Amino acid sequence: MQTIGDVLDRNKGVGPGFDFLRIALALSVVLAHSFQVCVGLDSGWTVQRGFLGPIMAAILPMFFGLSGFLVMGSADRTRNTATFLTFRALRLVPALAVEVTLSALILGTLLTRLPLSGYFSDFRVYEYFGNIIGRVRYVLPGVFDGLPVSGVINANLWTLHAELFSYFLMACLMVTALAYRRSFITALWVTMAIAMTAYNLHSLAYEIANGVYNAYVLVFSFVSGIVAYHWRRAIPSSNWIAALMAILAYGMLKLPYTAFIVHVPLIYLTVWIGSKRLPSTGGDFSYGVYLYSYPIQQTIVLLFPGLREWWLIFPLASAVSLLVAGLSWTFIERPALGLKRTISTMRSSARKDILLHNTTSPELPGGCRTESVRNG
């Protein structure tokens, strides 16, 4: 039976279905929030507690699990912490900075109930730019006040803390070289699962709340993705196993105390879907959809109160979000990611120069090099 690793090898290390999976997960977030922005946070989660509840709860763990899998692949290829962190910054910061700036300076000025002098004299406008560095703020003065989700500009930004901490953890593992030791990573994952489950049995701290798991569980999802990458050559790519895992995941997500064991079927489904040859999306629009969809949904609810039905908001917000995400990918994200190749080329050239220098210039006793001896 072929494994996930076999599929990746045939596709030069790239899962053929990962881009499709990412955009599907991003649009699932839009669907989940379509309930909220129409009827409010509490009522929105109530709607999702039925058949859709477990499916919605699985979205972010799968997102973070997929991120851990792909990030570990990137770390494995670069084997350099500084390069890894640079690549992560290029992926995360430029698009985020543009979205935050557009929200504060364009969306805010157009939709605030305050006069512009009052808007720009409010310190919350300038605090909002802290989102770029992970200092999450949701409010701009006078914007979206009185809506079902009142005053919230971009609820999606709450995951930034979990994402940044996951990258910090990955960097620490790389610096110590523990990231490349499968036995250690697996032991770390098992230890986290046992310890966090034990604490959850006592405190219920990691149960689904308001339809989602908290940031600590999402970091565990990220580590689960790292583990899956290490075991990719042992994980079978089987439709029958995937069907069984889907049933197990759905059932576990409806039960208490399963926050960590449920990652076994969830991460399997994540990498299994990623191993399938699914339609090409023409680019990775998922980050743009995730960044822009919530402000777009809130704007639609504000400007078109007659459309406050989830089944109207979802397709409309999805279409606009995909359009904006396409622009973000074309003009911001892809050019920024293009710098990765330049950085890799420069690093490779520097390494070759060092190797060539060391090869042609061996040190002699006393610290002299052969060129120095030949040149007198």
Foldseek 3Di string as FASTA:
>chain_A
DFFLVNLCVVVVNFQQQQLVLLQVLLLLVLLLCLLDQLAHLVRSLVVCPPPNLLVLQLSLLLVLLSVLQVLLVVCVVPLDLVLSVLLVCLQQQFLLQVLLCCCLPPVCCVAAPDDPVVQVVDCVSVVSSCLSVPSHDFARHRHQAPGSHGRGQAPLSQLVVLVVVLSVVVSVCSVVVVLVPLVSLVVVLVVCLVVVLVVCVVPVQQAQDSSYGDSVLSSSSSSNSSNCNNCRRVHHLDPVVLVVLVVVLSVLNSDPSCSRVNSVSSSSNSSSSSNDNDDDPPFNLSVQSSSCLRNLLSVCCVVPVVQSDSVSSSVVSSVVSSVRSVVCGVPRSVVSSVVSVVVVVVVVVVVVVVVVCCVQWPADPPRHTPVVVVVD
